[in-house]
């Protein structure tokens, strides 16, 4: 079972991959998209590698310049909000101490033998 942190990371990575796919289908390089959107040229790379989360505005501009429809943009905005919610949950858990997170995964590890395979 994924931890809240890994689930949040996976959600961010999935959103980043989807944005990359949209840009590639549009036949645009990262620099071309950045130029069209009037962004710094490194912003596209940071978003696509999940180093920087996109804003709602970024997603809408991305979809506009790549020719993706409004429904795609709204789907991606929903995915962004879901990922942000996961991050918020992880941050709350971390602020309260990692004991809760450790208690969450302990039964999983205890169910594994020395081979690391769940019994």
N, C-alpha and C. Protein backbone atom coordinates (compact mmCIF):
# COMPACT_ATOMS: atom_id res chain seq x y z
N UNK A 1 0.85 -1.17 0.00
CA UNK A 1 0.00 0.00 0.00
C UNK A 1 0.90 1.24 0.00
N UNK A 2 0.64 2.18 -0.91
CA UNK A 2 1.51 3.36 -0.98
C UNK A 2 1.32 4.29 0.22
N UNK A 3 2.39 4.94 0.60
CA UNK A 3 2.30 5.92 1.68
C UNK A 3 1.68 7.18 1.09
N UNK A 4 1.17 8.08 1.94
CA UNK A 4 0.62 9.33 1.42
C UNK A 4 1.64 10.11 0.59
N UNK A 5 2.92 10.07 1.01
CA UNK A 5 3.95 10.79 0.26
C UNK A 5 4.11 10.21 -1.13
N UNK A 6 4.24 8.87 -1.23
CA UNK A 6 4.45 8.27 -2.54
C UNK A 6 3.22 8.43 -3.42
N UNK A 7 2.03 8.39 -2.84
CA UNK A 7 0.81 8.60 -3.62
C UNK A 7 0.78 10.01 -4.19
N UNK A 8 1.20 10.98 -3.39
CA UNK A 8 1.24 12.37 -3.85
C UNK A 8 2.28 12.53 -4.96
N UNK A 9 3.45 11.90 -4.78
CA UNK A 9 4.49 11.95 -5.80
C UNK A 9 3.99 11.32 -7.11
N UNK A 10 3.32 10.17 -7.00
CA UNK A 10 2.80 9.49 -8.19
C UNK A 10 1.76 10.35 -8.90
N UNK A 11 0.92 11.03 -8.15
CA UNK A 11 -0.10 11.89 -8.74
C UNK A 11 0.55 13.06 -9.47
N UNK A 12 1.57 13.65 -8.86
CA UNK A 12 2.29 14.74 -9.52
C UNK A 12 2.99 14.26 -10.78
N UNK A 13 3.60 13.10 -10.71
CA UNK A 13 4.31 12.55 -11.87
C UNK A 13 3.33 12.21 -12.99
N UNK A 14 2.17 11.68 -12.64
CA UNK A 14 1.17 11.35 -13.67
C UNK A 14 0.68 12.61 -14.37
N UNK A 15 0.46 13.68 -13.62
CA UNK A 15 0.05 14.94 -14.22
C UNK A 15 1.15 15.48 -15.12
N UNK A 16 2.38 15.43 -14.66
CA UNK A 16 3.52 15.90 -15.46
C UNK A 16 3.64 15.10 -16.76
N UNK A 17 3.48 13.79 -16.67
CA UNK A 17 3.57 12.95 -17.87
C UNK A 17 2.46 13.27 -18.86
N UNK A 18 1.27 13.52 -18.34
CA UNK A 18 0.14 13.85 -19.22
C UNK A 18 0.39 15.17 -19.94
N UNK A 19 0.93 16.15 -19.23
CA UNK A 19 1.24 17.43 -19.86
C UNK A 19 2.31 17.26 -20.94
N UNK A 20 3.31 16.43 -20.67
CA UNK A 20 4.36 16.17 -21.66
C UNK A 20 3.76 15.52 -22.92
N UNK A 21 2.86 14.55 -22.71
CA UNK A 21 2.21 13.89 -23.84
C UNK A 21 1.44 14.89 -24.70
N UNK A 22 0.73 15.79 -24.06
CA UNK A 22 -0.05 16.80 -24.78
C UNK A 22 0.87 17.69 -25.60
N UNK A 23 1.98 18.12 -25.00
CA UNK A 23 2.94 18.97 -25.72
C UNK A 23 3.55 18.22 -26.90
N UNK A 24 3.93 16.96 -26.67
CA UNK A 24 4.53 16.17 -27.75
C UNK A 24 3.55 15.95 -28.89
N UNK A 25 2.30 15.66 -28.57
CA UNK A 25 1.29 15.47 -29.63
C UNK A 25 1.08 16.74 -30.44
N UNK A 26 1.26 17.89 -29.78
CA UNK A 26 1.11 19.16 -30.48
C UNK A 26 2.33 19.47 -31.35
N UNK A 27 3.39 18.68 -31.20
CA UNK A 27 4.59 18.90 -32.00
C UNK A 27 5.41 20.09 -31.56
N UNK A 28 5.27 20.47 -30.30
CA UNK A 28 6.01 21.62 -29.78
C UNK A 28 7.17 21.16 -28.92
N UNK A 29 8.27 21.88 -29.00
CA UNK A 29 9.37 21.66 -28.07
C UNK A 29 9.03 22.41 -26.78
N UNK A 30 9.76 22.11 -25.74
CA UNK A 30 9.56 22.82 -24.48
C UNK A 30 9.82 24.31 -24.63
N UNK A 31 10.84 24.64 -25.38
CA UNK A 31 11.16 26.06 -25.60
C UNK A 31 10.07 26.77 -26.39
N UNK A 32 9.51 26.07 -27.37
CA UNK A 32 8.43 26.68 -28.16
C UNK A 32 7.20 26.95 -27.30
N UNK A 33 6.84 25.97 -26.47
CA UNK A 33 5.70 26.17 -25.59
C UNK A 33 5.96 27.31 -24.62
N UNK A 34 7.15 27.35 -24.04
CA UNK A 34 7.49 28.42 -23.10
C UNK A 34 7.41 29.79 -23.79
N UNK A 35 7.87 29.86 -25.01
CA UNK A 35 7.81 31.11 -25.75
C UNK A 35 6.37 31.54 -26.01
N UNK A 36 5.54 30.60 -26.44
CA UNK A 36 4.13 30.91 -26.70
C UNK A 36 3.42 31.40 -25.43
N UNK A 37 3.74 30.77 -24.31
CA UNK A 37 3.08 31.11 -23.04
C UNK A 37 3.77 32.26 -22.32
N UNK A 38 4.88 32.72 -22.87
CA UNK A 38 5.67 33.81 -22.27
C UNK A 38 6.19 33.44 -20.88
N UNK A 39 6.70 32.19 -20.80
CA UNK A 39 7.31 31.67 -19.58
C UNK A 39 8.81 31.61 -19.76
N UNK A 40 9.53 31.51 -18.64
CA UNK A 40 10.96 31.23 -18.71
C UNK A 40 11.12 29.86 -19.34
N UNK A 41 12.14 29.69 -20.17
CA UNK A 41 12.27 28.43 -20.92
C UNK A 41 12.45 27.20 -20.05
N UNK A 42 12.87 27.34 -18.81
CA UNK A 42 13.05 26.18 -17.94
C UNK A 42 11.75 25.72 -17.27
N UNK A 43 10.71 26.55 -17.34
CA UNK A 43 9.47 26.23 -16.63
C UNK A 43 8.82 24.95 -17.17
N UNK A 44 8.81 24.77 -18.46
CA UNK A 44 8.20 23.58 -19.05
C UNK A 44 8.91 22.32 -18.55
N UNK A 45 10.22 22.35 -18.56
CA UNK A 45 10.99 21.20 -18.08
C UNK A 45 10.72 20.92 -16.61
N UNK A 46 10.68 21.95 -15.80
CA UNK A 46 10.42 21.76 -14.37
C UNK A 46 9.05 21.15 -14.13
N UNK A 47 8.06 21.58 -14.88
CA UNK A 47 6.71 21.03 -14.73
C UNK A 47 6.68 19.59 -15.22
N UNK A 48 7.29 19.32 -16.37
CA UNK A 48 7.26 17.97 -16.94
C UNK A 48 8.05 16.95 -16.13
N UNK A 49 9.00 17.41 -15.34
CA UNK A 49 9.76 16.50 -14.48
C UNK A 49 9.26 16.52 -13.04
N UNK A 50 8.08 17.11 -12.84
CA UNK A 50 7.43 17.19 -11.53
C UNK A 50 8.30 17.85 -10.46
N UNK A 51 9.15 18.78 -10.90
CA UNK A 51 9.97 19.54 -9.95
C UNK A 51 9.22 20.78 -9.47
N UNK A 52 8.28 21.25 -10.30
CA UNK A 52 7.48 22.42 -9.99
C UNK A 52 6.04 22.10 -10.38
N UNK A 53 5.11 22.21 -9.45
CA UNK A 53 3.72 21.93 -9.84
C UNK A 53 3.18 23.07 -10.70
N UNK A 54 2.35 22.74 -11.67
CA UNK A 54 1.75 23.81 -12.47
C UNK A 54 0.62 24.47 -11.69
N UNK A 55 0.33 25.70 -12.04
CA UNK A 55 -0.85 26.36 -11.48
C UNK A 55 -2.03 26.06 -12.40
N UNK A 56 -3.21 26.44 -11.96
CA UNK A 56 -4.39 26.28 -12.81
C UNK A 56 -4.19 27.08 -14.10
N UNK A 57 -3.68 28.30 -13.97
CA UNK A 57 -3.40 29.13 -15.14
C UNK A 57 -2.41 28.44 -16.08
N UNK A 58 -1.36 27.84 -15.52
CA UNK A 58 -0.36 27.15 -16.34
C UNK A 58 -1.00 26.03 -17.15
N UNK A 59 -1.86 25.25 -16.51
CA UNK A 59 -2.51 24.13 -17.20
C UNK A 59 -3.40 24.65 -18.34
N UNK A 60 -4.16 25.70 -18.07
CA UNK A 60 -5.05 26.24 -19.09
C UNK A 60 -4.26 26.82 -20.26
N UNK A 61 -3.16 27.52 -19.96
CA UNK A 61 -2.31 28.06 -21.02
C UNK A 61 -1.67 26.93 -21.81
N UNK A 62 -1.20 25.91 -21.12
CA UNK A 62 -0.57 24.74 -21.76
C UNK A 62 -1.53 24.12 -22.77
N UNK A 63 -2.75 23.87 -22.31
CA UNK A 63 -3.75 23.24 -23.18
C UNK A 63 -4.13 24.14 -24.35
N UNK A 64 -4.24 25.42 -24.10
CA UNK A 64 -4.56 26.38 -25.16
C UNK A 64 -3.50 26.35 -26.25
N UNK A 65 -2.24 26.47 -25.86
CA UNK A 65 -1.14 26.54 -26.84
C UNK A 65 -0.86 25.21 -27.51
N UNK A 66 -1.28 24.12 -26.88
CA UNK A 66 -1.07 22.79 -27.47
C UNK A 66 -2.30 22.30 -28.22
N UNK A 67 -3.35 23.10 -28.25
CA UNK A 67 -4.55 22.72 -28.99
C UNK A 67 -5.40 21.66 -28.31
N UNK A 68 -5.20 21.47 -27.03
CA UNK A 68 -6.05 20.53 -26.28
C UNK A 68 -7.34 21.26 -25.91
N UNK A 69 -8.42 20.56 -25.82
CA UNK A 69 -9.70 21.19 -25.53
C UNK A 69 -9.87 21.61 -24.09
N UNK A 70 -10.94 22.36 -23.86
CA UNK A 70 -11.27 22.81 -22.51
C UNK A 70 -11.55 21.64 -21.58
N UNK A 71 -12.15 20.57 -22.12
CA UNK A 71 -12.45 19.42 -21.26
C UNK A 71 -11.17 18.76 -20.77
N UNK A 72 -10.14 18.74 -21.60
CA UNK A 72 -8.84 18.20 -21.18
C UNK A 72 -8.25 19.08 -20.10
N UNK A 73 -8.33 20.39 -20.29
CA UNK A 73 -7.80 21.32 -19.29
C UNK A 73 -8.51 21.13 -17.96
N UNK A 74 -9.83 20.99 -17.99
CA UNK A 74 -10.58 20.81 -16.74
C UNK A 74 -10.23 19.48 -16.07
N UNK A 75 -10.01 18.44 -16.85
CA UNK A 75 -9.59 17.14 -16.31
C UNK A 75 -8.23 17.27 -15.61
N UNK A 76 -7.32 18.00 -16.24
CA UNK A 76 -5.99 18.18 -15.67
C UNK A 76 -6.03 19.07 -14.43
N UNK A 77 -6.90 20.06 -14.42
CA UNK A 77 -7.05 20.92 -13.24
C UNK A 77 -7.58 20.07 -12.08
N UNK A 78 -8.51 19.17 -12.37
CA UNK A 78 -9.02 18.28 -11.31
C UNK A 78 -7.91 17.38 -10.78
N UNK A 79 -7.05 16.89 -11.68
CA UNK A 79 -5.92 16.06 -11.26
C UNK A 79 -4.95 16.87 -10.42
N UNK A 80 -4.75 18.13 -10.78
CA UNK A 80 -3.88 19.02 -9.99
C UNK A 80 -4.44 19.19 -8.58
N UNK A 81 -5.74 19.44 -8.47
CA UNK A 81 -6.35 19.62 -7.15
C UNK A 81 -6.25 18.35 -6.32
N UNK A 82 -6.41 17.20 -6.95
CA UNK A 82 -6.28 15.93 -6.23
C UNK A 82 -4.85 15.76 -5.70
N UNK A 83 -3.87 16.05 -6.55
CA UNK A 83 -2.46 15.93 -6.14
C UNK A 83 -2.15 16.91 -5.01
N UNK A 84 -2.66 18.13 -5.12
CA UNK A 84 -2.44 19.12 -4.06
C UNK A 84 -3.05 18.65 -2.75
N UNK A 85 -4.21 18.02 -2.82
CA UNK A 85 -4.85 17.50 -1.62
C UNK A 85 -4.00 16.42 -0.96
N UNK A 86 -3.39 15.57 -1.77
CA UNK A 86 -2.51 14.53 -1.24
C UNK A 86 -1.29 15.15 -0.57
N UNK A 87 -0.72 16.19 -1.19
CA UNK A 87 0.43 16.87 -0.59
C UNK A 87 0.05 17.50 0.73
N UNK A 88 -1.12 18.12 0.76
CA UNK A 88 -1.58 18.76 1.99
C UNK A 88 -1.72 17.73 3.10
N UNK A 89 -2.29 16.58 2.76
CA UNK A 89 -2.44 15.51 3.75
C UNK A 89 -1.08 15.05 4.26
N UNK A 90 -0.13 14.88 3.36
CA UNK A 90 1.22 14.46 3.75
C UNK A 90 1.86 15.51 4.66
N UNK A 91 1.72 16.78 4.31
CA UNK A 91 2.31 17.84 5.13
C UNK A 91 1.69 17.87 6.52
N UNK A 92 0.38 17.68 6.61
CA UNK A 92 -0.28 17.64 7.93
C UNK A 92 0.27 16.49 8.76
N UNK A 93 0.43 15.34 8.11
CA UNK A 93 0.93 14.16 8.81
C UNK A 93 2.37 14.41 9.27
N UNK A 94 3.16 15.03 8.41
CA UNK A 94 4.56 15.30 8.74
C UNK A 94 4.67 16.33 9.87
N UNK A 95 3.81 17.34 9.85
CA UNK A 95 3.84 18.36 10.90
C UNK A 95 3.46 17.77 12.25
N UNK A 96 2.58 16.79 12.23
CA UNK A 96 2.17 16.15 13.47
C UNK A 96 3.18 15.12 13.94
N UNK A 97 4.25 14.98 13.23
CA UNK A 97 5.25 13.96 13.54
C UNK A 97 5.04 12.76 12.66
N UNK A 98 6.08 12.05 12.38
CA UNK A 98 5.98 10.92 11.47
C UNK A 98 5.54 9.64 12.17
N UNK A 99 5.23 9.74 13.44
CA UNK A 99 4.79 8.54 14.15
C UNK A 99 3.56 7.93 13.49
N UNK A 100 2.61 8.77 13.13
CA UNK A 100 1.39 8.29 12.48
C UNK A 100 1.72 7.58 11.16
N UNK A 101 2.63 8.14 10.39
CA UNK A 101 3.02 7.51 9.13
C UNK A 101 3.70 6.18 9.39
N UNK A 102 4.56 6.13 10.40
CA UNK A 102 5.25 4.88 10.73
C UNK A 102 4.26 3.83 11.21
N UNK A 103 3.29 4.25 12.00
CA UNK A 103 2.27 3.31 12.46
C UNK A 103 1.45 2.78 11.29
N UNK A 104 1.29 3.58 10.26
CA UNK A 104 0.55 3.19 9.07
C UNK A 104 1.25 2.07 8.32
N UNK A 105 2.59 2.14 8.19
CA UNK A 105 3.31 1.15 7.39
C UNK A 105 3.84 -0.02 8.20
N UNK A 106 3.89 0.08 9.53
CA UNK A 106 4.43 -1.01 10.35
C UNK A 106 3.74 -2.34 10.09
N UNK A 107 2.40 -2.41 10.06
CA UNK A 107 1.77 -3.70 9.79
C UNK A 107 2.15 -4.29 8.44
N UNK A 108 2.41 -3.45 7.49
CA UNK A 108 2.81 -3.93 6.16
C UNK A 108 4.17 -4.61 6.26
N UNK A 109 5.12 -3.94 6.93
CA UNK A 109 6.46 -4.51 7.06
C UNK A 109 6.47 -5.75 7.94
N UNK A 110 5.63 -5.76 8.97
CA UNK A 110 5.57 -6.93 9.84
C UNK A 110 5.01 -8.14 9.12
N UNK A 111 4.19 -7.90 8.09
CA UNK A 111 3.61 -8.99 7.32
C UNK A 111 4.57 -9.57 6.29
N UNK A 112 5.75 -8.98 6.16
CA UNK A 112 6.75 -9.44 5.19
C UNK A 112 7.80 -10.29 5.91
N UNK A 113 8.26 -11.31 5.25
CA UNK A 113 9.35 -12.12 5.79
C UNK A 113 10.67 -11.48 5.43
N UNK A 114 11.76 -12.18 5.64
CA UNK A 114 13.08 -11.66 5.31
C UNK A 114 13.25 -11.46 3.82
N UNK A 115 12.42 -12.12 3.00
CA UNK A 115 12.52 -11.97 1.55
C UNK A 115 11.89 -10.69 1.06
N UNK A 116 11.13 -10.04 1.95
CA UNK A 116 10.46 -8.79 1.57
C UNK A 116 9.13 -9.05 0.89
N UNK A 117 8.72 -10.30 0.82
CA UNK A 117 7.46 -10.66 0.19
C UNK A 117 6.42 -10.84 1.28
N UNK A 118 5.27 -10.29 1.05
CA UNK A 118 4.19 -10.37 2.03
C UNK A 118 3.73 -11.83 2.19
N UNK A 119 3.58 -12.24 3.45
CA UNK A 119 3.14 -13.62 3.73
C UNK A 119 1.65 -13.77 3.60
